[in-house]
Amino acid sequence: VSNIPLPEAELRAAMDELKDRGAVQSYSFVTFSSNYEGTLHALADKPSQGGLDYYGIDAEFFDTVFERVTIITQKAAGSDSGAPLYDLLNGSSGTVPESYPNYGDYNLQPVSILSQGVEAPLVNNTDGEDVLDVDDIERTAAFPLYCLMSTAGKPAKSFDTSLPLNFEVATRVYSLRATVMGKKIPTFFYSGYSFSFGGSPLLFTEETFKTLENIPQDQTTEKEKLLVKVREDDETATRAVLTAIRGIVGDTVLVTDTTKEKDSTQVVVEGFLIFSLVVALMADLISFTMLWLTFNSNISENAWELSVLRAVGMTPNQLVKIFLYESLCLTLSALLLGTLVGIITASVLVLQFNLLNESGFDLMFPLISYFVLVCLALFCAIVAPIISVRKVNKKPIASVLRSTD
């Protein structure tokens, strides 16, 4: 990332060389933000959103950024669901069907077409007003510019992939369609919340960006960011890329190794999981001890009742079965209710946290600690009653009944 234009030619040559050597899988350049802030509005002028920045991306952008981080919420109707995202922004790719921008259903302003260099004929409607004669214009001439827009546009302004829009830049107006809407796009601020729409830029192909900026198509644009996807789990390749970039741009450019940052974050997460596992095992041991003492105490307190049952003819094995069934019922019901309450509570807390970062919900059930806890609980429920009841059965019935303990 740089505040000054990146030396694109030198960086591209270095990345191509590393790509040939297999160190780089793909790389992508991102233009500087637009020189002008655009205003996006429906064909009736309202609703509208001003102060929008826009960037140009190349065909390798979506292949370079982390795929799991990219969250796409909507695509153009009728488009190929398996097509690359970049093709949905490229009007000449044919991915978006020709019937998609059906302008025959809308009263287009002539400036929307004239801004693209098309002589738009005007006709008088029934009210005596000059309107665009859509039927007299070639369909390809009426194609709008395609872009990627933040999902926040829908709750904020009711903008989506089915709505034709006008995009005002300086003194020019372009017809526009959001063929892709996203909630998470790496390197850019995107969100699904309506308040964030004004701060989320529009993304165009580099060719469309040149059109909006009045830059000739044969002229290169200044680049702000270089994104590089390095071969996975290869520190040598990562060092080679960092060395090549720093050798060209020096210390004037911020170079970030996202793989290293991701690995550092992963170490922290794994450390927290290990800590949680240790705490869970300690809790399991404490629970085991408490269960054991509780079962023993319960049987000791009911020693008089046990002796009465023995006196009326119940065998020691029948007494063991009574307490065994009781302990299993209590333990299994507690495990079931505790598991349900724990899952619901954890899910609610995670979903509340996800309201802020809009990340996907992933339930990571602690199978190891849960399995250990269940085994210890069942062990207590089975062994403790057997040992305690047999200990009481060894005492004479008369001595237990006469005792005051």
Protein backbone atom coordinates (compact mmCIF):
# COMPACT_ATOMS: atom_id res chain seq x y z
CA VAL A 1 0.00 0.00 0.00
CA SER A 2 1.42 3.39 -0.95
CA ASN A 3 0.46 7.05 -0.90
CA ILE A 4 2.55 7.53 -4.02
CA PRO A 5 2.03 5.65 -7.31
CA LEU A 6 3.61 2.21 -7.33
CA PRO A 7 6.19 1.45 -10.04
CA GLU A 8 3.82 -0.91 -11.80
CA ALA A 9 6.09 -1.96 -14.66
CA GLU A 10 8.98 -2.98 -12.38
CA LEU A 11 6.72 -4.72 -9.87
CA ARG A 12 4.84 -6.55 -12.61
CA ALA A 13 8.11 -7.79 -14.14
CA ALA A 14 9.33 -9.02 -10.73
CA MET A 15 6.02 -10.75 -9.96
CA ASP A 16 5.94 -12.41 -13.39
CA GLU A 17 9.42 -13.78 -12.79
CA LEU A 18 8.44 -15.14 -9.37
CA LYS A 19 5.26 -16.54 -10.88
CA ASP A 20 7.30 -18.43 -13.47
CA ARG A 21 9.41 -19.85 -10.64
CA GLY A 22 6.26 -20.99 -8.83
CA ALA A 23 6.69 -18.71 -5.81
CA VAL A 24 3.68 -16.56 -6.72
CA GLN A 25 0.29 -18.01 -7.57
CA SER A 26 -1.32 -14.73 -8.64
CA TYR A 27 -1.07 -10.99 -8.08
CA SER A 28 -3.34 -8.01 -8.58
CA PHE A 29 -3.04 -4.22 -8.75
CA VAL A 30 -5.66 -1.83 -7.39
CA THR A 31 -5.91 1.75 -8.61
CA PHE A 32 -5.96 4.83 -6.44
CA SER A 33 -9.32 6.08 -5.34
CA SER A 34 -11.23 8.20 -7.85
CA ASN A 35 -10.34 11.84 -8.36
CA TYR A 36 -14.01 12.69 -7.99
CA GLU A 37 -16.68 11.58 -5.56
CA GLY A 38 -19.67 10.08 -7.30
CA THR A 39 -23.39 10.31 -6.59
CA LEU A 40 -25.53 7.27 -7.09
CA HIS A 41 -29.28 7.62 -7.53
CA ALA A 42 -32.26 5.88 -9.00
CA LEU A 43 -33.67 6.96 -12.34
CA ALA A 44 -36.21 9.15 -10.56
CA ASP A 45 -33.29 10.94 -8.79
CA LYS A 46 -34.44 9.61 -5.41
CA PRO A 47 -33.20 7.83 -3.38
CA SER A 48 -29.61 8.93 -3.83
CA GLN A 49 -26.23 8.54 -2.14
CA GLY A 50 -23.40 11.02 -2.61
CA GLY A 51 -19.77 11.07 -1.61
CA LEU A 52 -18.99 7.62 -3.04
CA ASP A 53 -15.43 6.69 -3.95
CA TYR A 54 -14.67 4.07 -6.57
CA TYR A 55 -11.66 1.95 -7.51
CA GLY A 56 -10.49 -0.05 -10.47
CA ILE A 57 -9.49 -3.70 -10.10
CA ASP A 58 -7.95 -6.11 -12.59
CA ALA A 59 -8.96 -9.62 -13.62
CA GLU A 60 -6.73 -11.29 -10.98
CA PHE A 61 -8.23 -9.49 -7.97
CA PHE A 62 -10.70 -12.16 -6.81
CA ASP A 63 -8.18 -14.95 -7.48
CA THR A 64 -5.62 -13.20 -5.29
CA VAL A 65 -7.55 -12.15 -2.19
CA PHE A 66 -8.56 -14.64 0.50
CA GLU A 67 -11.58 -16.46 -0.89
CA ARG A 68 -13.02 -17.32 2.54
CA VAL A 69 -13.01 -13.65 3.52
CA THR A 70 -15.00 -12.59 0.45
CA ILE A 71 -18.74 -12.72 1.13
CA ILE A 72 -20.99 -12.14 -1.90
CA THR A 73 -24.68 -11.70 -1.13
CA GLN A 74 -26.28 -11.11 -4.54
CA LYS A 75 -25.49 -11.47 -8.24
CA ALA A 76 -27.18 -10.25 -11.41
CA ALA A 77 -30.33 -12.14 -12.27
CA GLY A 78 -29.83 -14.66 -15.06
CA SER A 79 -26.04 -14.61 -14.85
CA ASP A 80 -23.97 -17.76 -14.75
CA SER A 81 -23.73 -18.72 -11.08
CA GLY A 82 -20.39 -20.44 -11.65
CA ALA A 83 -18.80 -17.61 -13.60
CA PRO A 84 -15.81 -15.74 -12.12
CA LEU A 85 -16.83 -12.63 -10.19
CA TYR A 86 -14.70 -10.42 -12.38
CA ASP A 87 -16.70 -11.45 -15.46
CA LEU A 88 -19.84 -10.09 -13.78
CA LEU A 89 -18.19 -6.67 -13.75
CA ASN A 90 -16.97 -6.94 -17.33
CA GLY A 91 -19.73 -5.95 -19.74
CA SER A 92 -17.95 -7.56 -22.70
CA SER A 93 -17.59 -10.98 -21.04
CA GLY A 94 -21.13 -12.07 -21.93
CA THR A 95 -21.67 -13.46 -18.43
CA VAL A 96 -24.54 -11.07 -17.76
CA PRO A 97 -27.32 -11.75 -20.29
CA GLU A 98 -28.31 -9.03 -22.78
CA SER A 99 -31.84 -9.01 -21.43
CA TYR A 100 -30.57 -8.04 -18.00
CA PRO A 101 -30.50 -4.24 -18.50
CA ASN A 102 -34.09 -4.09 -19.74
CA TYR A 103 -34.48 -0.36 -20.13
CA GLY A 104 -37.73 -0.60 -22.02
CA ASP A 105 -39.52 -0.61 -18.65
CA TYR A 106 -37.95 2.66 -17.49
CA ASN A 107 -38.07 6.30 -18.57
CA LEU A 108 -34.32 6.93 -19.04
CA GLN A 109 -32.86 10.41 -19.05
CA PRO A 110 -31.06 11.14 -22.36
CA VAL A 111 -27.87 12.10 -20.51
CA SER A 112 -27.50 8.51 -19.29
CA ILE A 113 -26.94 7.34 -22.85
CA LEU A 114 -25.36 10.47 -24.31
CA SER A 115 -22.60 10.29 -21.72
CA GLN A 116 -21.48 7.06 -23.39
CA GLY A 117 -21.18 8.69 -26.80
CA VAL A 118 -24.45 7.50 -28.27
CA GLU A 119 -26.69 9.86 -30.26
CA ALA A 120 -29.93 9.32 -28.38
CA PRO A 121 -33.04 10.39 -30.35
CA LEU A 122 -35.81 12.16 -28.45
CA VAL A 123 -39.53 11.85 -29.04
CA ASN A 124 -42.53 13.66 -27.57
CA ASN A 125 -44.66 11.66 -25.20
CA THR A 126 -48.34 12.15 -24.55
CA ASP A 127 -47.57 15.00 -22.14
CA GLY A 128 -45.54 16.90 -24.74
CA GLU A 129 -42.23 16.16 -22.96
CA ASP A 130 -39.05 15.05 -24.70
CA VAL A 131 -38.14 11.52 -23.63
CA LEU A 132 -35.63 8.98 -24.86
CA ASP A 133 -36.78 6.79 -27.75
CA VAL A 134 -35.39 3.52 -26.36
CA ASP A 135 -36.66 1.45 -29.29
CA ASP A 136 -34.51 3.44 -31.74
CA ILE A 137 -31.22 2.72 -29.96
CA GLU A 138 -29.11 -0.38 -30.41
CA ARG A 139 -29.26 -2.68 -27.39
CA THR A 140 -25.47 -2.68 -26.91
CA ALA A 141 -25.49 1.10 -26.78
CA ALA A 142 -27.88 1.00 -23.85
CA PHE A 143 -25.68 -1.28 -21.78
CA PRO A 144 -24.78 0.36 -18.48
CA LEU A 145 -21.53 0.23 -16.58
CA TYR A 146 -21.26 -2.74 -14.24
CA CYS A 147 -19.92 -2.52 -10.69
CA LEU A 148 -19.62 -4.28 -7.35
CA MET A 149 -21.62 -2.51 -4.66
CA SER A 150 -21.85 -2.94 -0.90
CA THR A 151 -24.76 -4.97 0.43
CA ALA A 152 -25.50 -1.98 2.64
CA GLY A 153 -27.01 -0.28 -0.41
CA LYS A 154 -30.14 -2.38 -0.11
CA PRO A 155 -31.18 -1.50 3.46
CA ALA A 156 -29.88 2.07 3.10
CA LYS A 157 -31.31 3.09 -0.30
CA SER A 158 -33.10 0.00 -1.68
CA PHE A 159 -30.35 -0.40 -4.31
CA ASP A 160 -29.86 -3.96 -5.55
CA THR A 161 -28.87 -5.88 -8.67
CA SER A 162 -32.33 -5.53 -10.24
CA LEU A 163 -32.47 -1.72 -10.11
CA PRO A 164 -31.05 0.47 -12.93
CA LEU A 165 -29.15 3.43 -11.53
CA ASN A 166 -27.51 6.66 -12.62
CA PHE A 167 -23.99 7.48 -11.48
CA GLU A 168 -22.94 11.12 -11.53
CA VAL A 169 -19.22 11.86 -11.70
CA ALA A 170 -18.23 15.53 -11.95
CA THR A 171 -20.46 16.83 -14.77
CA ARG A 172 -21.04 13.42 -16.36
CA VAL A 173 -23.80 10.91 -15.74
CA TYR A 174 -23.57 7.21 -16.52
CA SER A 175 -26.18 4.49 -16.46
CA LEU A 176 -25.03 1.82 -14.02
CA ARG A 177 -25.96 -1.58 -12.71
CA ALA A 178 -24.64 -3.33 -9.60
CA THR A 179 -24.14 -6.83 -10.99
CA VAL A 180 -22.52 -8.01 -7.76
CA MET A 181 -23.23 -7.04 -4.16
CA GLY A 182 -20.90 -8.01 -1.32
CA LYS A 183 -20.74 -7.78 2.46
CA LYS A 184 -17.04 -8.58 2.87
CA ILE A 185 -14.43 -7.65 0.27
CA PRO A 186 -10.75 -7.87 1.32
CA THR A 187 -8.73 -4.60 1.39
CA PHE A 188 -11.95 -2.53 1.31
CA PHE A 189 -14.46 -1.49 3.96
CA TYR A 190 -17.67 -3.34 3.21
CA SER A 191 -20.56 -4.13 5.51
CA GLY A 192 -24.20 -5.12 5.45
CA TYR A 193 -25.30 -2.31 7.77
CA SER A 194 -27.05 0.65 6.18
CA PHE A 195 -24.98 3.32 7.95
CA SER A 196 -21.79 2.05 6.24
CA PHE A 197 -22.99 2.48 2.65
CA GLY A 198 -21.52 5.95 2.17
CA GLY A 199 -18.07 4.71 3.24
CA SER A 200 -18.02 1.63 1.00
CA PRO A 201 -16.51 2.26 -2.45
CA LEU A 202 -17.79 0.96 -5.76
CA LEU A 203 -15.50 -1.47 -7.58
CA PHE A 204 -15.18 -1.37 -11.37
CA THR A 205 -12.96 -3.09 -13.86
CA GLU A 206 -9.88 -1.06 -14.69
CA GLU A 207 -11.28 -0.35 -18.16
CA THR A 208 -14.50 1.04 -16.69
CA PHE A 209 -12.48 3.04 -14.15
CA LYS A 210 -10.61 4.70 -17.03
CA THR A 211 -13.92 5.59 -18.64
CA LEU A 212 -15.16 7.21 -15.45
CA GLU A 213 -11.89 9.11 -14.97
CA ASN A 214 -11.66 10.18 -18.64
CA ILE A 215 -8.38 8.29 -19.06
CA PRO A 216 -7.58 6.87 -22.52
CA GLN A 217 -7.80 3.08 -22.58
CA ASP A 218 -4.23 2.74 -23.91
CA GLN A 219 -2.88 4.70 -20.93
CA THR A 220 -2.01 3.06 -17.61
CA THR A 221 -3.58 4.19 -14.35
CA GLU A 222 -1.67 4.91 -11.16
CA LYS A 223 -1.76 2.00 -8.72
CA GLU A 224 -2.12 2.27 -4.95
CA LYS A 225 -2.03 -1.40 -3.90
CA LEU A 226 -0.33 -4.59 -5.00
CA LEU A 227 -1.86 -7.82 -3.71
CA VAL A 228 0.21 -10.99 -4.00
CA LYS A 229 -0.92 -14.56 -3.38
CA VAL A 230 2.14 -16.61 -2.44
CA ARG A 231 2.44 -20.37 -2.62
CA GLU A 232 0.94 -21.82 0.54
CA ASP A 233 3.16 -22.98 3.43
CA ASP A 234 6.33 -21.81 1.71
CA GLU A 235 8.35 -19.34 3.77
CA THR A 236 11.07 -19.23 1.12
CA ALA A 237 8.56 -18.01 -1.45
CA THR A 238 7.22 -15.42 0.97
CA ARG A 239 10.71 -14.09 1.70
CA ALA A 240 11.48 -13.96 -2.02
CA VAL A 241 8.36 -11.88 -2.68
CA LEU A 242 9.01 -9.51 0.22
CA THR A 243 12.64 -9.07 -0.83
CA ALA A 244 11.66 -8.37 -4.44
CA ILE A 245 9.04 -5.78 -3.44
CA ARG A 246 11.23 -4.02 -0.89
CA GLY A 247 14.11 -4.03 -3.37
CA ILE A 248 11.97 -2.02 -5.80
CA VAL A 249 9.96 0.30 -3.55
CA GLY A 250 12.32 0.56 -0.56
CA ASP A 251 10.88 1.79 2.73
CA THR A 252 8.49 4.29 1.17
CA VAL A 253 5.73 1.71 0.87
CA LEU A 254 3.92 -0.27 3.57
CA VAL A 255 4.46 -3.97 2.93
CA THR A 256 2.22 -6.31 4.95
CA ASP A 257 2.63 -10.06 5.17
CA THR A 258 -0.98 -11.12 5.76
CA THR A 259 0.01 -14.79 5.88
CA LYS A 260 2.32 -14.11 8.82
CA GLU A 261 -0.37 -12.08 10.56
CA LYS A 262 -2.87 -14.86 9.95
CA ASP A 263 -0.45 -17.42 11.37
CA SER A 264 0.17 -15.21 14.42
CA THR A 265 -3.56 -14.93 14.97
CA GLN A 266 -3.89 -18.68 14.58
CA VAL A 267 -1.24 -19.23 17.26
CA VAL A 268 -3.19 -16.99 19.65
CA VAL A 269 -6.42 -18.84 18.86
CA GLU A 270 -4.80 -22.25 19.36
CA GLY A 271 -3.25 -21.08 22.63
CA PHE A 272 -6.65 -19.92 23.84
CA LEU A 273 -8.19 -23.25 22.86
CA ILE A 274 -5.50 -25.15 24.77
CA PHE A 275 -6.06 -22.93 27.80
CA SER A 276 -9.81 -23.52 27.55
CA LEU A 277 -9.20 -27.27 27.29
CA VAL A 278 -7.02 -27.26 30.42
CA VAL A 279 -9.66 -25.28 32.32
CA ALA A 280 -12.35 -27.68 31.09
CA LEU A 281 -10.34 -30.72 32.23
CA MET A 282 -9.83 -29.15 35.66
CA ALA A 283 -13.57 -28.48 35.83
CA ASP A 284 -14.18 -32.10 34.84
CA LEU A 285 -11.97 -33.36 37.68
CA ILE A 286 -13.70 -31.07 40.19
CA SER A 287 -17.09 -32.22 38.93
CA PHE A 288 -16.00 -35.85 39.20
CA THR A 289 -14.94 -35.36 42.83
CA MET A 290 -18.15 -33.54 43.72
CA LEU A 291 -20.29 -36.22 42.08
CA TRP A 292 -18.44 -38.98 43.90
CA LEU A 293 -18.82 -37.28 47.27
CA THR A 294 -22.47 -36.48 46.58
CA PHE A 295 -23.36 -40.09 45.74
CA ASN A 296 -21.52 -41.41 48.78
CA SER A 297 -23.16 -38.83 51.04
CA ASN A 298 -26.61 -39.57 49.63
CA ILE A 299 -26.28 -43.31 50.27
CA SER A 300 -24.82 -42.79 53.75
CA GLU A 301 -27.74 -40.55 54.68
CA ASN A 302 -30.17 -43.21 53.45
CA ALA A 303 -28.48 -46.09 55.28
CA TRP A 304 -31.50 -46.47 57.66
CA GLU A 305 -33.91 -46.78 54.70
CA LEU A 306 -31.59 -49.34 53.09
CA SER A 307 -31.60 -51.43 56.24
CA VAL A 308 -35.42 -51.31 56.40
CA LEU A 309 -35.62 -52.55 52.81
CA ARG A 310 -33.17 -55.32 53.62
CA ALA A 311 -35.24 -56.24 56.66
CA VAL A 312 -38.40 -56.68 54.55
CA GLY A 313 -36.60 -59.05 52.17
CA MET A 314 -34.84 -57.08 49.45
CA THR A 315 -31.53 -58.56 48.32
CA PRO A 316 -28.28 -56.51 48.18
CA ASN A 317 -28.28 -56.66 44.35
CA GLN A 318 -31.79 -55.20 44.21
CA LEU A 319 -30.69 -52.32 46.46
CA VAL A 320 -27.70 -51.68 44.20
CA LYS A 321 -29.99 -51.58 41.16
CA ILE A 322 -32.32 -49.04 42.82
CA PHE A 323 -29.54 -46.55 43.52
CA LEU A 324 -27.82 -47.31 40.20
CA TYR A 325 -30.98 -46.49 38.21
CA GLU A 326 -31.57 -43.38 40.27
CA SER A 327 -28.03 -42.09 39.76
CA LEU A 328 -28.09 -42.81 36.01
CA CYS A 329 -31.41 -41.02 35.57
CA LEU A 330 -30.15 -37.95 37.43
CA THR A 331 -26.82 -37.93 35.59
CA LEU A 332 -28.22 -38.43 32.09
CA SER A 333 -30.95 -35.81 32.55
CA ALA A 334 -28.38 -33.34 33.88
CA LEU A 335 -26.06 -34.06 30.92
CA LEU A 336 -28.90 -33.54 28.43
CA LEU A 337 -30.21 -30.31 29.95
CA GLY A 338 -26.71 -28.97 30.61
CA THR A 339 -25.64 -29.64 27.03
CA LEU A 340 -28.71 -27.91 25.58
CA VAL A 341 -28.38 -24.90 27.87
CA GLY A 342 -24.64 -24.65 27.13
CA ILE A 343 -25.10 -24.80 23.35
CA ILE A 344 -27.91 -22.23 23.40
CA THR A 345 -26.00 -19.86 25.67
CA ALA A 346 -22.79 -20.13 23.65
CA SER A 347 -24.66 -19.64 20.36
CA VAL A 348 -26.43 -16.52 21.64
CA LEU A 349 -23.14 -15.01 22.84
CA VAL A 350 -21.40 -15.78 19.52
CA LEU A 351 -24.31 -14.39 17.48
CA GLN A 352 -24.23 -11.19 19.54
CA PHE A 353 -20.52 -10.87 18.80
CA ASN A 354 -21.16 -11.54 15.11
CA LEU A 355 -23.51 -8.57 15.00
CA LEU A 356 -20.39 -6.41 15.19
CA ASN A 357 -17.99 -8.17 12.84
CA GLU A 358 -20.59 -9.81 10.53
CA SER A 359 -18.60 -13.01 10.36
CA GLY A 360 -20.23 -16.35 9.67
CA PHE A 361 -21.52 -18.51 12.50
CA ASP A 362 -19.28 -21.52 13.13
CA LEU A 363 -20.16 -23.84 16.02
CA MET A 364 -16.99 -25.46 17.36
CA PHE A 365 -18.25 -28.09 19.77
CA PRO A 366 -15.60 -29.11 22.39
CA LEU A 367 -15.79 -32.82 21.68
CA ILE A 368 -12.71 -33.81 23.70
CA SER A 369 -13.63 -32.08 26.95
CA TYR A 370 -17.30 -33.04 26.53
CA PHE A 371 -16.40 -36.71 25.99
CA VAL A 372 -14.14 -36.69 29.08
CA LEU A 373 -16.89 -35.05 31.16
CA VAL A 374 -19.52 -37.57 30.04
CA CYS A 375 -17.22 -40.51 30.74
CA LEU A 376 -16.34 -39.24 34.23
CA ALA A 377 -19.98 -38.52 35.04
CA LEU A 378 -21.13 -41.98 33.92
CA PHE A 379 -18.26 -43.59 35.82
CA CYS A 380 -19.38 -41.82 39.00
CA ALA A 381 -23.02 -42.68 38.38
CA ILE A 382 -22.21 -46.38 38.04
CA VAL A 383 -19.29 -47.05 40.37
CA ALA A 384 -20.10 -44.76 43.33
CA PRO A 385 -23.55 -46.28 44.09
CA ILE A 386 -22.21 -49.85 43.80
CA ILE A 387 -19.33 -49.24 46.21
CA SER A 388 -21.39 -47.22 48.71
CA VAL A 389 -24.38 -49.57 48.79
CA ARG A 390 -22.16 -52.64 49.21
CA LYS A 391 -20.39 -50.91 52.10
CA VAL A 392 -23.75 -50.34 53.83
CA ASN A 393 -24.89 -53.90 53.09
CA LYS A 394 -21.89 -55.31 54.96
CA LYS A 395 -23.18 -53.80 58.22
CA PRO A 396 -25.67 -55.80 60.31
CA ILE A 397 -29.26 -54.65 59.84
CA ALA A 398 -29.93 -54.37 63.57
CA SER A 399 -26.88 -52.21 64.27
CA VAL A 400 -27.82 -49.80 61.46
CA LEU A 401 -31.42 -49.52 62.66
CA ARG A 402 -30.33 -48.90 66.29
CA SER A 403 -27.67 -46.36 65.30
CA THR A 404 -28.38 -42.68 65.68
CA ASP A 405 -26.07 -41.60 62.84
